[in-house]
Amino acid sequence: MKSSFEWIIAALILGALAALVFGIDAVLNVISTVFALGFGLVVALILAVVIATLGWIGIRDAIDEIKMDRKQGLPWLWRCVGWIGIAGILADGIVGAWNAYQEHVLFSIAVKEIPFAGVPVLLVLGSYPVKWAEALLAKGRRRRADRSRLNT
């Protein structure tokens, strides 16, 4: 097994030979391209891991909040409606960015071309009336339960 020093010497000799055969500009361009692609891949991998981790934490916390609200008898369906709307907004943003890239138009124009692009925003805004209606229904259930306990 060769040591790292021997690998470095072999790479330098190969680089010198390639510079003689292809020219120094070609060798330096290959080296800079390899380093740039490697650095880009590392940064992309780190960003993907960070985004996946933050997404996992957000989803886990949302599920825990819904479980606690259900156990306490608080409104919880509105959170589901709101999270679906937020996911739709993110999907619209991704599709809009892709359309803007493909068609070379402004992002706002690309998003306007998405059919039903306003629906996720309406879902997010509509989650609050769902919360209010759910709270009223829960309040009515508690009153009926209290009356039935008093009557027995």
N, C-alpha and C. Protein backbone atom coordinates (compact mmCIF):
# COMPACT_ATOMS: atom_id res chain seq x y z
N MET A 1 0.85 -1.19 0.00
CA MET A 1 0.00 0.00 0.00
C MET A 1 0.89 1.24 0.00
N LYS A 2 0.60 2.15 -0.86
CA LYS A 2 1.43 3.35 -1.00
C LYS A 2 1.00 4.39 0.03
N SER A 3 1.96 5.18 0.44
CA SER A 3 1.66 6.26 1.38
C SER A 3 1.09 7.45 0.61
N SER A 4 0.52 8.39 1.36
CA SER A 4 -0.07 9.56 0.72
C SER A 4 1.01 10.41 0.02
N PHE A 5 2.24 10.38 0.57
CA PHE A 5 3.32 11.13 -0.07
C PHE A 5 3.61 10.59 -1.47
N GLU A 6 3.58 9.26 -1.60
CA GLU A 6 3.84 8.66 -2.91
C GLU A 6 2.72 9.00 -3.90
N TRP A 7 1.48 9.07 -3.43
CA TRP A 7 0.36 9.44 -4.30
C TRP A 7 0.50 10.89 -4.78
N ILE A 8 0.94 11.75 -3.87
CA ILE A 8 1.11 13.16 -4.24
C ILE A 8 2.22 13.31 -5.28
N ILE A 9 3.33 12.60 -5.08
CA ILE A 9 4.44 12.67 -6.04
C ILE A 9 3.98 12.14 -7.40
N ALA A 10 3.22 11.03 -7.40
CA ALA A 10 2.73 10.46 -8.66
C ALA A 10 1.79 11.44 -9.36
N ALA A 11 0.92 12.12 -8.60
CA ALA A 11 0.00 13.09 -9.20
C ALA A 11 0.76 14.27 -9.78
N LEU A 12 1.80 14.72 -9.09
CA LEU A 12 2.59 15.84 -9.61
C LEU A 12 3.33 15.46 -10.88
N ILE A 13 3.87 14.25 -10.93
CA ILE A 13 4.57 13.80 -12.14
C ILE A 13 3.58 13.69 -13.30
N LEU A 14 2.39 13.11 -13.03
CA LEU A 14 1.37 13.01 -14.07
C LEU A 14 0.92 14.39 -14.53
N GLY A 15 0.79 15.32 -13.60
CA GLY A 15 0.41 16.69 -13.95
C GLY A 15 1.45 17.36 -14.82
N ALA A 16 2.74 17.14 -14.49
CA ALA A 16 3.82 17.72 -15.29
C ALA A 16 3.84 17.12 -16.69
N LEU A 17 3.64 15.81 -16.79
CA LEU A 17 3.59 15.18 -18.11
C LEU A 17 2.39 15.67 -18.91
N ALA A 18 1.23 15.82 -18.25
CA ALA A 18 0.04 16.32 -18.95
C ALA A 18 0.27 17.75 -19.41
N ALA A 19 0.98 18.54 -18.61
CA ALA A 19 1.27 19.92 -19.01
C ALA A 19 2.17 19.95 -20.23
N LEU A 20 3.10 19.02 -20.31
CA LEU A 20 3.97 18.96 -21.48
C LEU A 20 3.20 18.52 -22.72
N VAL A 21 2.28 17.56 -22.54
CA VAL A 21 1.56 17.02 -23.69
C VAL A 21 0.44 17.96 -24.15
N PHE A 22 -0.38 18.42 -23.20
CA PHE A 22 -1.58 19.19 -23.55
C PHE A 22 -1.41 20.70 -23.38
N GLY A 23 -0.42 21.12 -22.65
CA GLY A 23 -0.22 22.54 -22.38
C GLY A 23 -0.69 22.88 -20.97
N ILE A 24 -0.06 23.89 -20.40
CA ILE A 24 -0.35 24.25 -19.01
C ILE A 24 -1.77 24.79 -18.84
N ASP A 25 -2.27 25.50 -19.84
CA ASP A 25 -3.63 26.06 -19.74
C ASP A 25 -4.68 24.96 -19.64
N ALA A 26 -4.54 23.93 -20.44
CA ALA A 26 -5.50 22.84 -20.41
C ALA A 26 -5.47 22.12 -19.06
N VAL A 27 -4.28 21.88 -18.52
CA VAL A 27 -4.16 21.20 -17.23
C VAL A 27 -4.75 22.05 -16.12
N LEU A 28 -4.45 23.34 -16.11
CA LEU A 28 -5.01 24.22 -15.07
C LEU A 28 -6.53 24.33 -15.19
N ASN A 29 -7.05 24.35 -16.41
CA ASN A 29 -8.50 24.38 -16.58
C ASN A 29 -9.15 23.11 -16.06
N VAL A 30 -8.53 21.97 -16.30
CA VAL A 30 -9.07 20.71 -15.78
C VAL A 30 -9.02 20.70 -14.26
N ILE A 31 -7.91 21.14 -13.70
CA ILE A 31 -7.78 21.16 -12.23
C ILE A 31 -8.82 22.10 -11.62
N SER A 32 -8.98 23.29 -12.17
CA SER A 32 -9.95 24.24 -11.61
C SER A 32 -11.38 23.73 -11.78
N THR A 33 -11.66 23.06 -12.91
CA THR A 33 -13.00 22.52 -13.12
C THR A 33 -13.30 21.41 -12.12
N VAL A 34 -12.33 20.54 -11.88
CA VAL A 34 -12.53 19.45 -10.92
C VAL A 34 -12.76 20.02 -9.53
N PHE A 35 -11.97 21.00 -9.13
CA PHE A 35 -12.16 21.60 -7.81
C PHE A 35 -13.50 22.34 -7.71
N ALA A 36 -13.88 23.05 -8.75
CA ALA A 36 -15.15 23.78 -8.73
C ALA A 36 -16.33 22.82 -8.66
N LEU A 37 -16.30 21.76 -9.46
CA LEU A 37 -17.39 20.78 -9.40
C LEU A 37 -17.43 20.08 -8.04
N GLY A 38 -16.27 19.73 -7.52
CA GLY A 38 -16.23 19.09 -6.20
C GLY A 38 -16.77 20.00 -5.11
N PHE A 39 -16.35 21.25 -5.14
CA PHE A 39 -16.84 22.21 -4.16
C PHE A 39 -18.35 22.43 -4.30
N GLY A 40 -18.81 22.53 -5.55
CA GLY A 40 -20.25 22.69 -5.79
C GLY A 40 -21.05 21.51 -5.29
N LEU A 41 -20.55 20.31 -5.52
CA LEU A 41 -21.25 19.12 -5.04
C LEU A 41 -21.29 19.06 -3.52
N VAL A 42 -20.19 19.42 -2.88
CA VAL A 42 -20.16 19.43 -1.41
C VAL A 42 -21.15 20.45 -0.86
N VAL A 43 -21.17 21.64 -1.42
CA VAL A 43 -22.11 22.67 -0.97
C VAL A 43 -23.55 22.24 -1.21
N ALA A 44 -23.82 21.65 -2.38
CA ALA A 44 -25.18 21.18 -2.68
C ALA A 44 -25.59 20.07 -1.72
N LEU A 45 -24.68 19.17 -1.39
CA LEU A 45 -24.99 18.10 -0.44
C LEU A 45 -25.27 18.66 0.95
N ILE A 46 -24.47 19.62 1.38
CA ILE A 46 -24.69 20.24 2.69
C ILE A 46 -26.05 20.95 2.72
N LEU A 47 -26.38 21.70 1.66
CA LEU A 47 -27.67 22.38 1.60
C LEU A 47 -28.83 21.38 1.61
N ALA A 48 -28.68 20.28 0.88
CA ALA A 48 -29.74 19.26 0.85
C ALA A 48 -29.94 18.65 2.23
N VAL A 49 -28.86 18.39 2.94
CA VAL A 49 -28.97 17.82 4.28
C VAL A 49 -29.62 18.82 5.24
N VAL A 50 -29.24 20.09 5.15
CA VAL A 50 -29.82 21.11 6.02
C VAL A 50 -31.32 21.27 5.74
N ILE A 51 -31.69 21.34 4.46
CA ILE A 51 -33.10 21.50 4.11
C ILE A 51 -33.91 20.29 4.55
N ALA A 52 -33.38 19.09 4.33
CA ALA A 52 -34.08 17.87 4.75
C ALA A 52 -34.23 17.83 6.27
N THR A 53 -33.20 18.23 6.98
CA THR A 53 -33.27 18.23 8.45
C THR A 53 -34.30 19.23 8.95
N LEU A 54 -34.28 20.44 8.40
CA LEU A 54 -35.25 21.44 8.82
C LEU A 54 -36.68 21.01 8.47
N GLY A 55 -36.85 20.40 7.30
CA GLY A 55 -38.17 19.89 6.93
C GLY A 55 -38.64 18.81 7.87
N TRP A 56 -37.74 17.89 8.22
CA TRP A 56 -38.10 16.81 9.15
C TRP A 56 -38.47 17.38 10.52
N ILE A 57 -37.70 18.34 11.01
CA ILE A 57 -38.00 18.94 12.31
C ILE A 57 -39.35 19.65 12.27
N GLY A 58 -39.61 20.38 11.19
CA GLY A 58 -40.89 21.08 11.07
C GLY A 58 -42.07 20.13 11.02
N ILE A 59 -41.95 19.06 10.25
CA ILE A 59 -43.04 18.09 10.15
C ILE A 59 -43.24 17.38 11.48
N ARG A 60 -42.15 16.99 12.12
CA ARG A 60 -42.25 16.30 13.41
C ARG A 60 -42.93 17.20 14.46
N ASP A 61 -42.54 18.46 14.51
CA ASP A 61 -43.15 19.38 15.46
C ASP A 61 -44.63 19.61 15.16
N ALA A 62 -44.98 19.71 13.88
CA ALA A 62 -46.39 19.89 13.51
C ALA A 62 -47.22 18.69 13.93
N ILE A 63 -46.69 17.49 13.75
CA ILE A 63 -47.42 16.28 14.16
C ILE A 63 -47.58 16.25 15.67
N ASP A 64 -46.53 16.63 16.40
CA ASP A 64 -46.62 16.67 17.87
C ASP A 64 -47.65 17.69 18.34
N GLU A 65 -47.70 18.87 17.69
CA GLU A 65 -48.69 19.88 18.06
C GLU A 65 -50.10 19.38 17.81
N ILE A 66 -50.31 18.70 16.68
CA ILE A 66 -51.64 18.18 16.38
C ILE A 66 -52.03 17.12 17.40
N LYS A 67 -51.10 16.24 17.79
CA LYS A 67 -51.39 15.22 18.80
C LYS A 67 -51.76 15.85 20.14
N MET A 68 -51.01 16.89 20.54
CA MET A 68 -51.32 17.55 21.82
C MET A 68 -52.68 18.23 21.77
N ASP A 69 -52.97 18.90 20.66
CA ASP A 69 -54.27 19.56 20.54
C ASP A 69 -55.41 18.56 20.58
N ARG A 70 -55.24 17.41 19.94
CA ARG A 70 -56.28 16.39 19.95
C ARG A 70 -56.50 15.85 21.36
N LYS A 71 -55.41 15.62 22.11
CA LYS A 71 -55.53 15.10 23.47
C LYS A 71 -56.22 16.10 24.39
N GLN A 72 -55.98 17.39 24.17
CA GLN A 72 -56.55 18.43 25.02
C GLN A 72 -57.93 18.87 24.56
N GLY A 73 -58.40 18.34 23.45
CA GLY A 73 -59.71 18.71 22.93
C GLY A 73 -59.75 20.06 22.26
N LEU A 74 -58.61 20.54 21.81
CA LEU A 74 -58.53 21.84 21.13
C LEU A 74 -58.68 21.63 19.63
N PRO A 75 -59.02 22.70 18.89
CA PRO A 75 -59.10 22.58 17.43
C PRO A 75 -57.75 22.18 16.84
N TRP A 76 -57.77 21.21 15.92
CA TRP A 76 -56.53 20.74 15.32
C TRP A 76 -56.63 20.58 13.81
N LEU A 77 -57.81 20.45 13.27
CA LEU A 77 -57.95 20.26 11.82
C LEU A 77 -57.44 21.46 11.03
N TRP A 78 -57.56 22.63 11.62
CA TRP A 78 -57.13 23.84 10.93
C TRP A 78 -55.63 23.80 10.63
N ARG A 79 -54.86 23.15 11.51
CA ARG A 79 -53.42 23.03 11.27
C ARG A 79 -53.16 22.19 10.01
N CYS A 80 -53.94 21.13 9.83
CA CYS A 80 -53.77 20.29 8.64
C CYS A 80 -54.07 21.09 7.38
N VAL A 81 -55.14 21.86 7.41
CA VAL A 81 -55.51 22.67 6.24
C VAL A 81 -54.41 23.71 5.97
N GLY A 82 -53.91 24.34 7.02
CA GLY A 82 -52.85 25.33 6.85
C GLY A 82 -51.56 24.74 6.32
N TRP A 83 -51.16 23.57 6.83
CA TRP A 83 -49.92 22.94 6.36
C TRP A 83 -50.05 22.49 4.90
N ILE A 84 -51.24 22.03 4.52
CA ILE A 84 -51.45 21.67 3.12
C ILE A 84 -51.30 22.91 2.23
N GLY A 85 -51.84 24.04 2.69
CA GLY A 85 -51.69 25.29 1.94
C GLY A 85 -50.25 25.74 1.84
N ILE A 86 -49.49 25.61 2.94
CA ILE A 86 -48.08 26.01 2.91
C ILE A 86 -47.30 25.12 1.96
N ALA A 87 -47.58 23.81 1.97
CA ALA A 87 -46.91 22.91 1.03
C ALA A 87 -47.26 23.28 -0.41
N GLY A 88 -48.51 23.70 -0.64
CA GLY A 88 -48.90 24.14 -1.98
C GLY A 88 -48.19 25.40 -2.41
N ILE A 89 -47.99 26.32 -1.47
CA ILE A 89 -47.26 27.55 -1.79
C ILE A 89 -45.82 27.22 -2.17
N LEU A 90 -45.19 26.33 -1.42
CA LEU A 90 -43.82 25.92 -1.76
C LEU A 90 -43.77 25.23 -3.12
N ALA A 91 -44.75 24.37 -3.41
CA ALA A 91 -44.78 23.70 -4.71
C ALA A 91 -44.97 24.72 -5.84
N ASP A 92 -45.85 25.70 -5.62
CA ASP A 92 -46.03 26.75 -6.63
C ASP A 92 -44.74 27.53 -6.85
N GLY A 93 -43.99 27.79 -5.79
CA GLY A 93 -42.72 28.49 -5.92
C GLY A 93 -41.71 27.69 -6.71
N ILE A 94 -41.66 26.39 -6.46
CA ILE A 94 -40.72 25.54 -7.19
C ILE A 94 -41.10 25.49 -8.67
N VAL A 95 -42.39 25.29 -8.94
CA VAL A 95 -42.85 25.23 -10.33
C VAL A 95 -42.64 26.58 -11.01
N GLY A 96 -42.92 27.67 -10.31
CA GLY A 96 -42.71 29.00 -10.88
C GLY A 96 -41.25 29.27 -11.19
N ALA A 97 -40.36 28.84 -10.28
CA ALA A 97 -38.93 29.03 -10.53
C ALA A 97 -38.49 28.22 -11.73
N TRP A 98 -39.00 27.01 -11.85
CA TRP A 98 -38.65 26.18 -13.01
C TRP A 98 -39.17 26.81 -14.31
N ASN A 99 -40.41 27.30 -14.27
CA ASN A 99 -40.97 27.94 -15.47
C ASN A 99 -40.18 29.20 -15.83
N ALA A 100 -39.80 29.98 -14.83
CA ALA A 100 -39.03 31.19 -15.09
C ALA A 100 -37.68 30.84 -15.70
N TYR A 101 -37.08 29.78 -15.23
CA TYR A 101 -35.79 29.35 -15.78
C TYR A 101 -35.94 28.84 -17.21
N GLN A 102 -36.97 28.05 -17.46
CA GLN A 102 -37.15 27.46 -18.79
C GLN A 102 -37.58 28.48 -19.84
N GLU A 103 -38.48 29.39 -19.46
CA GLU A 103 -39.05 30.31 -20.42
C GLU A 103 -38.36 31.67 -20.44
N HIS A 104 -37.42 31.89 -19.54
CA HIS A 104 -36.67 33.15 -19.45
C HIS A 104 -37.63 34.34 -19.26
N VAL A 105 -38.54 34.19 -18.30
CA VAL A 105 -39.46 35.26 -17.96
C VAL A 105 -39.29 35.59 -16.49
N LEU A 106 -39.94 36.66 -16.06
CA LEU A 106 -39.89 37.03 -14.65
C LEU A 106 -40.61 35.99 -13.82
N PHE A 107 -40.20 35.87 -12.56
CA PHE A 107 -40.80 34.88 -11.66
C PHE A 107 -42.29 35.13 -11.47
N SER A 108 -42.68 36.40 -11.32
CA SER A 108 -44.10 36.71 -11.10
C SER A 108 -44.95 36.30 -12.30
N ILE A 109 -44.42 36.48 -13.49
CA ILE A 109 -45.16 36.06 -14.70
C ILE A 109 -45.24 34.54 -14.76
N ALA A 110 -44.16 33.86 -14.38
CA ALA A 110 -44.15 32.40 -14.41
C ALA A 110 -45.16 31.83 -13.41
N VAL A 111 -45.28 32.45 -12.24
CA VAL A 111 -46.24 31.97 -11.25
C VAL A 111 -47.67 32.25 -11.69
N LYS A 112 -47.89 33.39 -12.36
CA LYS A 112 -49.24 33.70 -12.84
C LYS A 112 -49.73 32.69 -13.86
N GLU A 113 -48.80 32.07 -14.58
CA GLU A 113 -49.18 31.09 -15.60
C GLU A 113 -49.53 29.72 -15.01
N ILE A 114 -49.28 29.51 -13.71
CA ILE A 114 -49.61 28.23 -13.08
C ILE A 114 -51.11 28.20 -12.82
N PRO A 115 -51.81 27.16 -13.31
CA PRO A 115 -53.25 27.10 -13.06
C PRO A 115 -53.52 26.92 -11.56
N PHE A 116 -54.50 27.63 -11.06
CA PHE A 116 -54.94 27.55 -9.66
C PHE A 116 -53.81 27.87 -8.68
N ALA A 117 -52.95 28.81 -9.02
CA ALA A 117 -51.83 29.17 -8.16
C ALA A 117 -52.29 29.85 -6.87
N GLY A 118 -53.47 30.42 -6.86
CA GLY A 118 -53.96 31.10 -5.67
C GLY A 118 -54.62 30.19 -4.66
N VAL A 119 -54.88 28.95 -5.03
CA VAL A 119 -55.58 28.02 -4.13
C VAL A 119 -54.79 27.77 -2.84
N PRO A 120 -53.48 27.54 -2.89
CA PRO A 120 -52.76 27.33 -1.62
C PRO A 120 -52.85 28.53 -0.67
N VAL A 121 -52.82 29.73 -1.21
CA VAL A 121 -52.95 30.91 -0.36
C VAL A 121 -54.33 30.94 0.28
N LEU A 122 -55.35 30.60 -0.49
CA LEU A 122 -56.70 30.53 0.07
C LEU A 122 -56.82 29.45 1.13
N LEU A 123 -56.12 28.34 0.96
CA LEU A 123 -56.13 27.30 1.99
C LEU A 123 -55.51 27.80 3.29
N VAL A 124 -54.39 28.50 3.18
CA VAL A 124 -53.75 29.02 4.38
C VAL A 124 -54.66 30.03 5.07
N LEU A 125 -55.22 30.95 4.30
CA LEU A 125 -56.12 31.94 4.88
C LEU A 125 -57.42 31.30 5.36
N GLY A 126 -57.87 30.27 4.68
CA GLY A 126 -59.10 29.60 5.06
C GLY A 126 -58.96 28.70 6.27
N SER A 127 -57.73 28.46 6.71
CA SER A 127 -57.55 27.61 7.88
C SER A 127 -58.06 28.29 9.16
N TYR A 128 -58.05 29.61 9.20
CA TYR A 128 -58.53 30.30 10.39
C TYR A 128 -60.04 30.19 10.57
N PRO A 129 -60.85 30.35 9.54
CA PRO A 129 -62.28 30.07 9.74
C PRO A 129 -62.55 28.61 10.13
N VAL A 130 -61.72 27.69 9.63
CA VAL A 130 -61.86 26.29 10.06
C VAL A 130 -61.56 26.19 11.55
N LYS A 131 -60.56 26.90 12.02
CA LYS A 131 -60.22 26.89 13.45
C LYS A 131 -61.36 27.45 14.28
N TRP A 132 -61.95 28.55 13.83
CA TRP A 132 -63.04 29.16 14.58
C TRP A 132 -64.26 28.24 14.62
N ALA A 133 -64.59 27.64 13.48
CA ALA A 133 -65.74 26.73 13.44
C ALA A 133 -65.48 25.51 14.32
N GLU A 134 -64.27 25.00 14.27
CA GLU A 134 -63.93 23.84 15.09
C GLU A 134 -63.98 24.18 16.58
N ALA A 135 -63.56 25.39 16.94
CA ALA A 135 -63.63 25.82 18.34
C ALA A 135 -65.08 25.93 18.79
N LEU A 136 -65.95 26.46 17.92
CA LEU A 136 -67.37 26.54 18.28
C LEU A 136 -67.98 25.15 18.45
N LEU A 137 -67.66 24.23 17.57
CA LEU A 137 -68.16 22.87 17.71
C LEU A 137 -67.65 22.20 18.98
N ALA A 138 -66.39 22.41 19.31
CA ALA A 138 -65.83 21.83 20.53
C ALA A 138 -66.49 22.43 21.76
N LYS A 139 -66.78 23.72 21.71
CA LYS A 139 -67.45 24.38 22.84
C LYS A 139 -68.85 23.82 23.01
N GLY A 140 -69.56 23.60 21.91
CA GLY A 140 -70.90 23.02 21.98
C GLY A 140 -70.87 21.60 22.52
N ARG A 141 -69.88 20.81 22.13
CA ARG A 141 -69.75 19.44 22.65
C ARG A 141 -69.49 19.45 24.15
N ARG A 142 -68.65 20.37 24.61
CA ARG A 142 -68.37 20.45 26.05
C ARG A 142 -69.61 20.84 26.82
N ARG A 143 -70.40 21.77 26.28
CA ARG A 143 -71.64 22.17 26.97
C ARG A 143 -72.60 20.99 27.06
N ARG A 144 -72.75 20.23 25.95
CA ARG A 144 -73.66 19.07 25.99
C ARG A 144 -73.15 18.03 26.96
N ALA A 145 -71.82 17.82 27.02
CA ALA A 145 -71.27 16.85 27.95
C ALA A 145 -71.49 17.29 29.39
N ASP A 146 -71.36 18.60 29.65
CA ASP A 146 -71.59 19.11 31.00
C ASP A 146 -73.06 18.96 31.38
N ARG A 147 -73.97 19.23 30.45
CA ARG A 147 -75.41 19.08 30.72
C ARG A 147 -75.77 17.63 30.98
N SER A 148 -75.20 16.74 30.20
CA SER A 148 -75.53 15.32 30.41
C SER A 148 -74.98 14.81 31.73
N ARG A 149 -73.83 15.33 32.19
CA ARG A 149 -73.30 14.95 33.50
C ARG A 149 -74.17 15.50 34.62
N LEU A 150 -74.70 16.72 34.42
CA LEU A 150 -75.55 17.30 35.44
C LEU A 150 -76.90 16.58 35.52
N ASN A 151 -77.43 16.13 34.40
CA ASN A 151 -78.74 15.46 34.37
C ASN A 151 -78.69 14.05 34.93
N THR A 152 -77.53 13.43 34.96
CA THR A 152 -77.47 12.05 35.47
C THR A 152 -77.18 11.98 36.93
